[in-house]
Amino acid sequence: MTRIARFALTAFTALAAAGIAVAPAGAQDANQQAYRAKREQLTKELEQTQSQLTEIRSQRVQLQTRIEAVIAQMMRDRANALLLSNETTALQQLDAILTSSQDNLLAQRDRFASISDAVRRRTGSVLVVLLRADSSQAQTLGGATLTVNGSPVDTRTYTVAASNALNVGAVDQLYRANVLPTGHQVSVSVQLNGQTVTSDITVTAAPETVTYVQFAVRNGQVTATTWASRGTTPF
């Protein structure tokens, strides 16, 4: 039985007892007035209690609504935190994979460089191509084009000062590179006194050796000589 029901039962019991009690005729009016006053007081208290109960119920509903809203927000925050945690973990795993791949690539690069250096040291050779002029002749060199194994590798244009330097003994290094120890076709075209003069030669580059090819401009022609050196090699 609720608190309000017990209070109402007590009030009505008191009223009934007041109505049933036998009193003298002169005191009945006073009893009636006391009864009515008591009933009005109890009725007001009952109404106040009902109003308080209604207010408490409303506050309970509001409090329950706030609790449910807080629980829902906490669940959303937890879900977002889990999503961010998954994304962070995925990014960390991807970063670890990229770092490992980079390390592997660097290791492979160093390995290939070591292998290439070892191969070059064991079987490689160096080819050097030079151009010079015969100082006993008055001649003007306008330029030169060098071709190695059918592929143009360098083109030079000489000024008057550069041509004069060649005529007095200067040497122009047209080409220097590591090559395979095999035969190589070397060809040069020189602009000499307004005309093109060409010379070519096939030279075999020996392993662990610097092979020199020198083209010399002499008497309107270009001649080629070769020699090899092991003392100035980088091997």
C-alpha atoms as a PDB file:
ATOM      1  CA  MET A   1       0.000   0.000   0.000  1.00  0.00           C
ATOM      2  CA  THR A   2       1.411   3.390  -1.023  1.00  0.00           C
ATOM      3  CA  ARG A   3       2.038   6.302   1.276  1.00  0.00           C
ATOM      4  CA  ILE A   4      -0.873   8.320  -0.209  1.00  0.00           C
ATOM      5  CA  ALA A   5      -3.301   5.397   0.123  1.00  0.00           C
ATOM      6  CA  ARG A   6      -2.351   4.851   3.753  1.00  0.00           C
ATOM      7  CA  PHE A   7      -2.776   8.571   4.415  1.00  0.00           C
ATOM      8  CA  ALA A   8      -6.193   8.619   2.731  1.00  0.00           C
ATOM      9  CA  LEU A   9      -7.347   5.527   4.671  1.00  0.00           C
ATOM     10  CA  THR A  10      -6.279   7.115   7.936  1.00  0.00           C
ATOM     11  CA  ALA A  11      -8.096  10.349   7.076  1.00  0.00           C
ATOM     12  CA  PHE A  12     -11.344   8.658   6.140  1.00  0.00           C
ATOM     13  CA  THR A  13     -11.144   6.414   9.228  1.00  0.00           C
ATOM     14  CA  ALA A  14     -10.766   9.483  11.388  1.00  0.00           C
ATOM     15  CA  LEU A  15     -13.714  11.119   9.661  1.00  0.00           C
ATOM     16  CA  ALA A  16     -15.853   8.038  10.114  1.00  0.00           C
ATOM     17  CA  ALA A  17     -14.928   7.799  13.755  1.00  0.00           C
ATOM     18  CA  ALA A  18     -15.827  11.426  14.235  1.00  0.00           C
ATOM     19  CA  GLY A  19     -19.201  10.912  12.548  1.00  0.00           C
ATOM     20  CA  ILE A  20     -20.042   7.731  14.478  1.00  0.00           C
ATOM     21  CA  ALA A  21     -19.084   9.013  17.927  1.00  0.00           C
ATOM     22  CA  VAL A  22     -22.077   9.796  20.097  1.00  0.00           C
ATOM     23  CA  ALA A  23     -22.052  13.286  21.475  1.00  0.00           C
ATOM     24  CA  PRO A  24     -24.577  15.384  23.340  1.00  0.00           C
ATOM     25  CA  ALA A  25     -26.991  17.443  21.281  1.00  0.00           C
ATOM     26  CA  GLY A  26     -25.403  20.687  22.291  1.00  0.00           C
ATOM     27  CA  ALA A  27     -21.970  19.528  21.234  1.00  0.00           C
ATOM     28  CA  GLN A  28     -23.011  18.145  17.821  1.00  0.00           C
ATOM     29  CA  ASP A  29     -22.656  21.480  16.059  1.00  0.00           C
ATOM     30  CA  ALA A  30     -19.153  21.911  17.429  1.00  0.00           C
ATOM     31  CA  ASN A  31     -18.290  18.376  16.415  1.00  0.00           C
ATOM     32  CA  GLN A  32     -19.666  19.005  12.923  1.00  0.00           C
ATOM     33  CA  GLN A  33     -17.589  22.119  12.556  1.00  0.00           C
ATOM     34  CA  ALA A  34     -14.507  20.322  13.803  1.00  0.00           C
ATOM     35  CA  TYR A  35     -15.290  17.462  11.466  1.00  0.00           C
ATOM     36  CA  ARG A  36     -15.653  19.763   8.456  1.00  0.00           C
ATOM     37  CA  ALA A  37     -12.480  21.643   9.388  1.00  0.00           C
ATOM     38  CA  LYS A  38     -10.587  18.418   9.819  1.00  0.00           C
ATOM     39  CA  ARG A  39     -11.920  17.065   6.526  1.00  0.00           C
ATOM     40  CA  GLU A  40     -10.983  20.237   4.663  1.00  0.00           C
ATOM     41  CA  GLN A  41      -7.500  20.120   6.176  1.00  0.00           C
ATOM     42  CA  LEU A  42      -7.066  16.473   5.245  1.00  0.00           C
ATOM     43  CA  THR A  43      -8.435  17.148   1.747  1.00  0.00           C
ATOM     44  CA  LYS A  44      -5.948  19.980   1.255  1.00  0.00           C
ATOM     45  CA  GLU A  45      -3.109  17.801   2.519  1.00  0.00           C
ATOM     46  CA  LEU A  46      -4.214  15.034   0.176  1.00  0.00           C
ATOM     47  CA  GLU A  47      -4.285  17.453  -2.787  1.00  0.00           C
ATOM     48  CA  GLN A  48      -0.837  18.798  -1.851  1.00  0.00           C
ATOM     49  CA  THR A  49       0.508  15.277  -1.550  1.00  0.00           C
ATOM     50  CA  GLN A  50      -0.924  14.350  -4.969  1.00  0.00           C
ATOM     51  CA  SER A  51       0.585  17.522  -6.474  1.00  0.00           C
ATOM     52  CA  GLN A  52       3.977  16.707  -4.962  1.00  0.00           C
ATOM     53  CA  LEU A  53       3.726  13.148  -6.272  1.00  0.00           C
ATOM     54  CA  THR A  54       2.938  14.439  -9.784  1.00  0.00           C
ATOM     55  CA  GLU A  55       5.939  16.799  -9.618  1.00  0.00           C
ATOM     56  CA  ILE A  56       8.203  14.005  -8.403  1.00  0.00           C
ATOM     57  CA  ARG A  57       7.038  11.780 -11.247  1.00  0.00           C
ATOM     58  CA  SER A  58       7.770  14.579 -13.748  1.00  0.00           C
ATOM     59  CA  GLN A  59      11.239  15.078 -12.274  1.00  0.00           C
ATOM     60  CA  ARG A  60      11.827  11.326 -12.435  1.00  0.00           C
ATOM     61  CA  VAL A  61      10.926  11.275 -16.142  1.00  0.00           C
ATOM     62  CA  GLN A  62      13.234  14.239 -16.820  1.00  0.00           C
ATOM     63  CA  LEU A  63      16.054  12.611 -14.868  1.00  0.00           C
ATOM     64  CA  GLN A  64      15.586   9.324 -16.738  1.00  0.00           C
ATOM     65  CA  THR A  65      15.637  11.190 -20.052  1.00  0.00           C
ATOM     66  CA  ARG A  66      18.891  12.934 -19.099  1.00  0.00           C
ATOM     67  CA  ILE A  67      20.452   9.630 -18.013  1.00  0.00           C
ATOM     68  CA  GLU A  68      19.491   7.989 -21.308  1.00  0.00           C
ATOM     69  CA  ALA A  69      20.923  10.957 -23.238  1.00  0.00           C
ATOM     70  CA  VAL A  70      24.206  10.738 -21.292  1.00  0.00           C
ATOM     71  CA  ILE A  71      24.387   6.965 -21.896  1.00  0.00           C
ATOM     72  CA  ALA A  72      23.751   7.481 -25.631  1.00  0.00           C
ATOM     73  CA  GLN A  73      26.473  10.161 -25.816  1.00  0.00           C
ATOM     74  CA  MET A  74      28.911   7.893 -23.994  1.00  0.00           C
ATOM     75  CA  MET A  75      28.150   5.083 -26.459  1.00  0.00           C
ATOM     76  CA  ARG A  76      28.728   7.430 -29.409  1.00  0.00           C
ATOM     77  CA  ASP A  77      32.002   8.641 -27.913  1.00  0.00           C
ATOM     78  CA  ARG A  78      33.079   5.062 -27.333  1.00  0.00           C
ATOM     79  CA  ALA A  79      32.218   4.103 -30.904  1.00  0.00           C
ATOM     80  CA  ASN A  80      34.168   7.083 -32.255  1.00  0.00           C
ATOM     81  CA  ALA A  81      37.118   6.209 -30.033  1.00  0.00           C
ATOM     82  CA  LEU A  82      37.084   2.634 -31.338  1.00  0.00           C
ATOM     83  CA  LEU A  83      36.956   3.858 -34.944  1.00  0.00           C
ATOM     84  CA  LEU A  84      39.860   6.250 -34.371  1.00  0.00           C
ATOM     85  CA  SER A  85      41.771   3.475 -32.627  1.00  0.00           C
ATOM     86  CA  ASN A  86      41.290   1.187 -35.629  1.00  0.00           C
ATOM     87  CA  GLU A  87      42.385   3.913 -38.040  1.00  0.00           C
ATOM     88  CA  THR A  88      45.417   4.732 -35.903  1.00  0.00           C
ATOM     89  CA  THR A  89      46.386   1.076 -35.756  1.00  0.00           C
ATOM     90  CA  ALA A  90      45.995   0.758 -39.530  1.00  0.00           C
ATOM     91  CA  LEU A  91      48.164   3.845 -40.103  1.00  0.00           C
ATOM     92  CA  GLN A  92      50.814   2.524 -37.738  1.00  0.00           C
ATOM     93  CA  GLN A  93      50.836  -0.830 -39.539  1.00  0.00           C
ATOM     94  CA  LEU A  94      51.076   0.908 -42.928  1.00  0.00           C
ATOM     95  CA  ASP A  95      53.930   3.087 -41.668  1.00  0.00           C
ATOM     96  CA  ALA A  96      55.728  -0.023 -40.412  1.00  0.00           C
ATOM     97  CA  ILE A  97      55.288  -1.698 -43.817  1.00  0.00           C
ATOM     98  CA  LEU A  98      56.583   1.380 -45.642  1.00  0.00           C
ATOM     99  CA  THR A  99      59.556   1.656 -43.314  1.00  0.00           C
ATOM    100  CA  SER A 100      60.381  -2.020 -43.798  1.00  0.00           C
ATOM    101  CA  SER A 101      60.032  -1.688 -47.585  1.00  0.00           C
ATOM    102  CA  GLN A 102      62.306   1.359 -47.599  1.00  0.00           C
ATOM    103  CA  ASP A 103      64.908  -0.498 -45.560  1.00  0.00           C
ATOM    104  CA  ASN A 104      64.704  -3.439 -47.966  1.00  0.00           C
ATOM    105  CA  LEU A 105      65.086  -1.141 -50.977  1.00  0.00           C
ATOM    106  CA  LEU A 106      68.110   0.558 -49.439  1.00  0.00           C
ATOM    107  CA  ALA A 107      69.642  -2.816 -48.651  1.00  0.00           C
ATOM    108  CA  GLN A 108      69.014  -4.025 -52.211  1.00  0.00           C
ATOM    109  CA  ARG A 109      70.481  -0.815 -53.632  1.00  0.00           C
ATOM    110  CA  ASP A 110      73.630  -1.224 -51.556  1.00  0.00           C
ATOM    111  CA  ARG A 111      73.820  -4.870 -52.564  1.00  0.00           C
ATOM    112  CA  PHE A 112      73.482  -4.100 -56.277  1.00  0.00           C
ATOM    113  CA  ALA A 113      76.024  -1.299 -55.963  1.00  0.00           C
ATOM    114  CA  SER A 114      78.474  -3.697 -54.335  1.00  0.00           C
ATOM    115  CA  ILE A 115      77.866  -6.300 -57.029  1.00  0.00           C
ATOM    116  CA  SER A 116      78.248  -3.705 -59.774  1.00  0.00           C
ATOM    117  CA  ASP A 117      81.469  -2.423 -58.236  1.00  0.00           C
ATOM    118  CA  ALA A 118      82.798  -5.966 -57.903  1.00  0.00           C
ATOM    119  CA  VAL A 119      81.919  -6.772 -61.517  1.00  0.00           C
ATOM    120  CA  ARG A 120      83.501  -3.550 -62.727  1.00  0.00           C
ATOM    121  CA  ARG A 121      86.645  -4.267 -60.757  1.00  0.00           C
ATOM    122  CA  ARG A 122      86.930  -7.816 -62.092  1.00  0.00           C
ATOM    123  CA  THR A 123      85.877  -7.436 -65.737  1.00  0.00           C
ATOM    124  CA  GLY A 124      85.390  -3.726 -66.492  1.00  0.00           C
ATOM    125  CA  SER A 125      87.577  -1.397 -68.490  1.00  0.00           C
ATOM    126  CA  VAL A 126      87.796   2.316 -69.248  1.00  0.00           C
ATOM    127  CA  LEU A 127      87.691   3.903 -72.697  1.00  0.00           C
ATOM    128  CA  VAL A 128      89.125   7.410 -73.224  1.00  0.00           C
ATOM    129  CA  VAL A 129      88.832   9.327 -76.514  1.00  0.00           C
ATOM    130  CA  LEU A 130      91.080  12.368 -77.153  1.00  0.00           C
ATOM    131  CA  LEU A 131      91.285  14.952 -79.940  1.00  0.00           C
ATOM    132  CA  ARG A 132      94.376  16.967 -80.808  1.00  0.00           C
ATOM    133  CA  ALA A 133      95.688  18.926 -83.800  1.00  0.00           C
ATOM    134  CA  ASP A 134      99.046  18.988 -85.598  1.00  0.00           C
ATOM    135  CA  SER A 135     100.662  22.285 -84.616  1.00  0.00           C
ATOM    136  CA  SER A 136     102.735  22.404 -87.815  1.00  0.00           C
ATOM    137  CA  GLN A 137      99.682  23.233 -89.927  1.00  0.00           C
ATOM    138  CA  ALA A 138      97.613  26.440 -89.988  1.00  0.00           C
ATOM    139  CA  GLN A 139      94.088  25.076 -89.705  1.00  0.00           C
ATOM    140  CA  THR A 140      90.759  26.034 -88.156  1.00  0.00           C
ATOM    141  CA  LEU A 141      88.669  23.509 -86.222  1.00  0.00           C
ATOM    142  CA  GLY A 142      85.005  24.450 -85.995  1.00  0.00           C
ATOM    143  CA  GLY A 143      83.743  21.475 -84.015  1.00  0.00           C
ATOM    144  CA  ALA A 144      83.711  17.712 -83.528  1.00  0.00           C
ATOM    145  CA  THR A 145      81.080  14.969 -83.141  1.00  0.00           C
ATOM    146  CA  LEU A 146      81.963  11.676 -81.440  1.00  0.00           C
ATOM    147  CA  THR A 147      80.081   8.401 -81.978  1.00  0.00           C
ATOM    148  CA  VAL A 148      80.682   5.227 -79.959  1.00  0.00           C
ATOM    149  CA  ASN A 149      79.135   1.971 -81.162  1.00  0.00           C
ATOM    150  CA  GLY A 150      76.818   3.858 -83.512  1.00  0.00           C
ATOM    151  CA  SER A 151      75.443   6.238 -80.860  1.00  0.00           C
ATOM    152  CA  PRO A 152      76.420   9.943 -80.715  1.00  0.00           C
ATOM    153  CA  VAL A 153      77.888  10.614 -77.288  1.00  0.00           C
ATOM    154  CA  ASP A 154      79.238  14.171 -77.553  1.00  0.00           C
ATOM    155  CA  THR A 155      79.294  17.198 -79.848  1.00  0.00           C
ATOM    156  CA  ARG A 156      81.797  20.041 -79.442  1.00  0.00           C
ATOM    157  CA  THR A 157      81.842  23.515 -80.956  1.00  0.00           C
ATOM    158  CA  TYR A 158      85.228  25.262 -80.936  1.00  0.00           C
ATOM    159  CA  THR A 159      85.762  28.974 -80.843  1.00  0.00           C
ATOM    160  CA  VAL A 160      88.729  30.595 -82.557  1.00  0.00           C
ATOM    161  CA  ALA A 161      90.595  30.631 -79.236  1.00  0.00           C
ATOM    162  CA  ALA A 162      89.855  26.938 -78.652  1.00  0.00           C
ATOM    163  CA  SER A 163      90.965  26.081 -82.202  1.00  0.00           C
ATOM    164  CA  ASN A 164      94.214  27.996 -81.710  1.00  0.00           C
ATOM    165  CA  ALA A 165      94.776  26.182 -78.412  1.00  0.00           C
ATOM    166  CA  LEU A 166      94.404  22.828 -80.141  1.00  0.00           C
ATOM    167  CA  ASN A 167      96.812  23.927 -82.866  1.00  0.00           C
ATOM    168  CA  VAL A 168      99.474  24.750 -80.300  1.00  0.00           C
ATOM    169  CA  GLY A 169      99.265  21.415 -78.497  1.00  0.00           C
ATOM    170  CA  ALA A 170      96.114  21.361 -76.376  1.00  0.00           C
ATOM    171  CA  VAL A 171      94.219  18.082 -76.152  1.00  0.00           C
ATOM    172  CA  ASP A 172      90.430  17.825 -75.791  1.00  0.00           C
ATOM    173  CA  GLN A 173      89.077  14.778 -73.924  1.00  0.00           C
ATOM    174  CA  LEU A 174      85.888  13.906 -75.809  1.00  0.00           C
ATOM    175  CA  TYR A 175      84.908  10.801 -73.858  1.00  0.00           C
ATOM    176  CA  ARG A 176      85.766   8.798 -70.743  1.00  0.00           C
ATOM    177  CA  ALA A 177      83.576   6.005 -69.398  1.00  0.00           C
ATOM    178  CA  ASN A 178      83.541   2.463 -68.086  1.00  0.00           C
ATOM    179  CA  VAL A 179      82.891   0.010 -70.892  1.00  0.00           C
ATOM    180  CA  LEU A 180      82.663  -3.723 -71.332  1.00  0.00           C
ATOM    181  CA  PRO A 181      85.907  -5.528 -72.115  1.00  0.00           C
ATOM    182  CA  THR A 182      85.057  -6.103 -75.778  1.00  0.00           C
ATOM    183  CA  GLY A 183      85.407  -4.432 -79.172  1.00  0.00           C
ATOM    184  CA  HIS A 184      84.064  -0.890 -79.631  1.00  0.00           C
ATOM    185  CA  GLN A 185      83.514   1.155 -82.799  1.00  0.00           C
ATOM    186  CA  VAL A 186      84.707   4.738 -82.288  1.00  0.00           C
ATOM    187  CA  SER A 187      84.111   7.425 -84.935  1.00  0.00           C
ATOM    188  CA  VAL A 188      84.763  11.184 -84.996  1.00  0.00           C
ATOM    189  CA  SER A 189      83.680  13.872 -87.475  1.00  0.00           C
ATOM    190  CA  VAL A 190      85.664  17.123 -87.407  1.00  0.00           C
ATOM    191  CA  GLN A 191      84.724  20.456 -88.995  1.00  0.00           C
ATOM    192  CA  LEU A 192      88.079  21.401 -90.506  1.00  0.00           C
ATOM    193  CA  ASN A 193      88.484  24.606 -92.540  1.00  0.00           C
ATOM    194  CA  GLY A 194      84.759  24.561 -93.335  1.00  0.00           C
ATOM    195  CA  GLN A 195      84.715  20.895 -94.393  1.00  0.00           C
ATOM    196  CA  THR A 196      83.781  17.698 -92.563  1.00  0.00           C
ATOM    197  CA  VAL A 197      86.489  15.101 -92.111  1.00  0.00           C
ATOM    198  CA  THR A 198      85.630  11.709 -90.610  1.00  0.00           C
ATOM    199  CA  SER A 199      87.727   8.949 -89.094  1.00  0.00           C
ATOM    200  CA  ASP A 200      86.734   5.735 -87.337  1.00  0.00           C
ATOM    201  CA  ILE A 201      88.495   2.873 -85.634  1.00  0.00           C
ATOM    202  CA  THR A 202      87.600  -0.374 -83.895  1.00  0.00           C
ATOM    203  CA  VAL A 203      89.364  -0.840 -80.581  1.00  0.00           C
ATOM    204  CA  THR A 204      89.218  -3.694 -78.087  1.00  0.00           C
ATOM    205  CA  ALA A 205      89.057  -2.628 -74.453  1.00  0.00           C
ATOM    206  CA  ALA A 206      90.966  -5.008 -72.217  1.00  0.00           C
ATOM    207  CA  PRO A 207      89.809  -5.885 -68.687  1.00  0.00           C
ATOM    208  CA  GLU A 208      91.174  -3.740 -65.861  1.00  0.00           C
ATOM    209  CA  THR A 209      92.822  -1.426 -68.387  1.00  0.00           C
ATOM    210  CA  VAL A 210      92.384   2.129 -69.593  1.00  0.00           C
ATOM    211  CA  THR A 211      92.279   2.114 -73.396  1.00  0.00           C
ATOM    212  CA  TYR A 212      93.077   5.412 -75.114  1.00  0.00           C
ATOM    213  CA  VAL A 213      91.974   6.429 -78.617  1.00  0.00           C
ATOM    214  CA  GLN A 214      93.528   9.649 -79.904  1.00  0.00           C
ATOM    215  CA  PHE A 215      92.329  11.358 -83.054  1.00  0.00           C
ATOM    216  CA  ALA A 216      94.850  13.791 -84.521  1.00  0.00           C
ATOM    217  CA  VAL A 217      94.105  16.350 -87.247  1.00  0.00           C
ATOM    218  CA  ARG A 218      97.035  16.474 -89.658  1.00  0.00           C
ATOM    219  CA  ASN A 219      97.400  17.639 -93.271  1.00  0.00           C
ATOM    220  CA  GLY A 220      93.639  17.970 -93.723  1.00  0.00           C
ATOM    221  CA  GLN A 221      92.993  14.450 -92.449  1.00  0.00           C
ATOM    222  CA  VAL A 222      92.131  12.788 -89.143  1.00  0.00           C
ATOM    223  CA  THR A 223      94.209   9.832 -88.034  1.00  0.00           C
ATOM    224  CA  ALA A 224      93.691   7.572 -85.038  1.00  0.00           C
ATOM    225  CA  THR A 225      96.150   5.943 -82.672  1.00  0.00           C
ATOM    226  CA  THR A 226      95.507   3.760 -79.631  1.00  0.00           C
ATOM    227  CA  TRP A 227      97.362   2.610 -76.546  1.00  0.00           C
ATOM    228  CA  ALA A 228      96.500   1.040 -73.223  1.00  0.00           C
ATOM    229  CA  SER A 229      97.613   1.745 -69.682  1.00  0.00           C
ATOM    230  CA  ARG A 230      97.241  -0.240 -66.497  1.00  0.00           C
ATOM    231  CA  GLY A 231      99.246   2.082 -64.270  1.00  0.00           C
ATOM    232  CA  THR A 232      96.643   4.891 -64.219  1.00  0.00           C
ATOM    233  CA  THR A 233      93.584   2.684 -63.966  1.00  0.00           C
ATOM    234  CA  PRO A 234      91.098   2.994 -61.101  1.00  0.00           C
ATOM    235  CA  PHE A 235      91.083  -0.771 -60.551  1.00  0.00           C
END
